[in-house]
C-alpha atoms as a PDB file:
ATOM      1  CA  MET A   1     -57.697  19.790  37.550  1.00  0.00           C
ATOM      2  CA  ARG A   2     -60.895  18.015  35.954  1.00  0.00           C
ATOM      3  CA  GLU A   3     -60.045  15.350  33.038  1.00  0.00           C
ATOM      4  CA  GLY A   4     -62.229  17.633  30.809  1.00  0.00           C
ATOM      5  CA  ARG A   5     -60.362  20.844  31.440  1.00  0.00           C
ATOM      6  CA  PHE A   6     -57.106  19.034  31.076  1.00  0.00           C
ATOM      7  CA  SER A   7     -57.764  17.678  27.670  1.00  0.00           C
ATOM      8  CA  ALA A   8     -59.067  21.324  26.633  1.00  0.00           C
ATOM      9  CA  LEU A   9     -55.595  22.567  27.830  1.00  0.00           C
ATOM     10  CA  LEU A  10     -53.720  20.025  25.810  1.00  0.00           C
ATOM     11  CA  SER A  11     -55.781  20.977  22.830  1.00  0.00           C
ATOM     12  CA  VAL A  12     -54.412  24.621  23.178  1.00  0.00           C
ATOM     13  CA  ILE A  13     -51.026  23.727  24.177  1.00  0.00           C
ATOM     14  CA  VAL A  14     -50.135  21.288  21.249  1.00  0.00           C
ATOM     15  CA  PRO A  15     -50.892  23.219  18.106  1.00  0.00           C
ATOM     16  CA  PRO A  16     -48.046  25.953  18.678  1.00  0.00           C
ATOM     17  CA  VAL A  17     -45.645  22.834  19.319  1.00  0.00           C
ATOM     18  CA  VAL A  18     -46.692  21.243  16.122  1.00  0.00           C
ATOM     19  CA  GLU A  19     -46.423  24.314  14.205  1.00  0.00           C
ATOM     20  CA  LEU A  20     -43.000  24.839  15.579  1.00  0.00           C
ATOM     21  CA  ILE A  21     -41.891  21.551  14.589  1.00  0.00           C
ATOM     22  CA  ALA A  22     -43.373  21.717  11.081  1.00  0.00           C
ATOM     23  CA  GLU A  23     -41.721  25.119  10.338  1.00  0.00           C
ATOM     24  CA  ARG A  24     -38.222  24.207  11.821  1.00  0.00           C
ATOM     25  CA  LYS A  25     -38.072  20.809  10.570  1.00  0.00           C
ATOM     26  CA  GLY A  26     -39.376  21.467   7.172  1.00  0.00           C
ATOM     27  CA  VAL A  27     -42.095  18.643   7.357  1.00  0.00           C
ATOM     28  CA  PRO A  28     -45.808  18.657   6.872  1.00  0.00           C
ATOM     29  CA  GLU A  29     -48.060  19.585   9.687  1.00  0.00           C
ATOM     30  CA  THR A  30     -49.418  16.119   9.882  1.00  0.00           C
ATOM     31  CA  ALA A  31     -45.885  14.460   9.891  1.00  0.00           C
ATOM     32  CA  ALA A  32     -45.141  16.933  12.580  1.00  0.00           C
ATOM     33  CA  THR A  33     -48.070  15.960  14.716  1.00  0.00           C
ATOM     34  CA  GLU A  34     -47.739  12.379  14.412  1.00  0.00           C
ATOM     35  CA  SER A  35     -43.944  12.640  15.421  1.00  0.00           C
ATOM     36  CA  PHE A  36     -44.905  14.678  18.620  1.00  0.00           C
ATOM     37  CA  TYR A  37     -47.732  12.389  19.656  1.00  0.00           C
ATOM     38  CA  ARG A  38     -45.052   9.552  19.636  1.00  0.00           C
ATOM     39  CA  SER A  39     -42.653  11.489  21.710  1.00  0.00           C
ATOM     40  CA  THR A  40     -41.605  11.016  25.153  1.00  0.00           C
ATOM     41  CA  VAL A  41     -42.318  14.795  25.654  1.00  0.00           C
ATOM     42  CA  TYR A  42     -45.920  14.338  24.690  1.00  0.00           C
ATOM     43  CA  ALA A  43     -46.342  11.304  27.012  1.00  0.00           C
ATOM     44  CA  ARG A  44     -45.002  13.287  29.795  1.00  0.00           C
ATOM     45  CA  LEU A  45     -47.177  16.452  28.624  1.00  0.00           C
ATOM     46  CA  SER A  46     -50.173  14.340  28.612  1.00  0.00           C
ATOM     47  CA  ASP A  47     -49.437  13.354  32.354  1.00  0.00           C
ATOM     48  CA  GLU A  48     -51.201  16.362  34.256  1.00  0.00           C
ATOM     49  CA  ALA A  49     -48.750  15.532  37.163  1.00  0.00           C
ATOM     50  CA  SER A  50     -45.620  16.145  35.228  1.00  0.00           C
ATOM     51  CA  LYS A  51     -46.578  19.799  35.133  1.00  0.00           C
ATOM     52  CA  LEU A  52     -44.968  20.102  31.661  1.00  0.00           C
ATOM     53  CA  TRP A  53     -48.352  22.012  30.579  1.00  0.00           C
ATOM     54  CA  HIS A  54     -46.964  25.027  32.414  1.00  0.00           C
ATOM     55  CA  TYR A  55     -44.056  25.573  29.701  1.00  0.00           C
ATOM     56  CA  SER A  56     -44.275  27.651  26.620  1.00  0.00           C
ATOM     57  CA  ALA A  57     -44.392  26.092  23.154  1.00  0.00           C
ATOM     58  CA  GLU A  58     -40.799  27.141  22.856  1.00  0.00           C
ATOM     59  CA  THR A  59     -39.583  25.412  25.774  1.00  0.00           C
ATOM     60  CA  LEU A  60     -41.515  22.136  24.695  1.00  0.00           C
ATOM     61  CA  TYR A  61     -40.351  22.174  21.356  1.00  0.00           C
ATOM     62  CA  ALA A  62     -36.708  22.407  22.699  1.00  0.00           C
ATOM     63  CA  MET A  63     -37.459  19.469  24.658  1.00  0.00           C
ATOM     64  CA  TYR A  64     -38.817  17.419  21.670  1.00  0.00           C
ATOM     65  CA  ASP A  65     -35.792  18.654  19.814  1.00  0.00           C
ATOM     66  CA  ASP A  66     -33.320  17.139  22.288  1.00  0.00           C
ATOM     67  CA  GLU A  67     -35.408  13.893  22.395  1.00  0.00           C
ATOM     68  CA  ILE A  68     -35.364  13.384  18.456  1.00  0.00           C
ATOM     69  CA  SER A  69     -31.645  14.568  18.270  1.00  0.00           C
ATOM     70  CA  GLY A  70     -30.708  11.851  20.694  1.00  0.00           C
ATOM     71  CA  ARG A  71     -29.702  14.240  23.399  1.00  0.00           C
ATOM     72  CA  ALA A  72     -30.778  13.904  26.972  1.00  0.00           C
ATOM     73  CA  ILE A  73     -34.203  15.612  27.607  1.00  0.00           C
ATOM     74  CA  GLU A  74     -33.777  18.207  29.934  1.00  0.00           C
ATOM     75  CA  PHE A  75     -36.946  18.276  31.993  1.00  0.00           C
ATOM     76  CA  PRO A  76     -37.159  21.350  34.255  1.00  0.00           C
ATOM     77  CA  GLU A  77     -36.790  20.586  37.966  1.00  0.00           C
ATOM     78  CA  GLU A  78     -40.093  21.607  39.110  1.00  0.00           C
ATOM     79  CA  ALA A  79     -41.857  19.273  36.528  1.00  0.00           C
ATOM     80  CA  PHE A  80     -41.323  16.089  38.721  1.00  0.00           C
END
């Protein structure tokens, strides 16, 4: 996928994940956005080769929640 297309795809995927974080963690959307962008999940998501962009906002949120809760992040097998 070309870089521009992938960036556009991320701009569609990230907002629903941020909304889930803000809603479920009870934090402002700006704080949720900053936290997600600093996460390992986002770092992997932003790597097109990881294929995490195939997953739903709910799945990405669950991986993010595992990370911030100190649990091992369970990346789907086919992601790598």
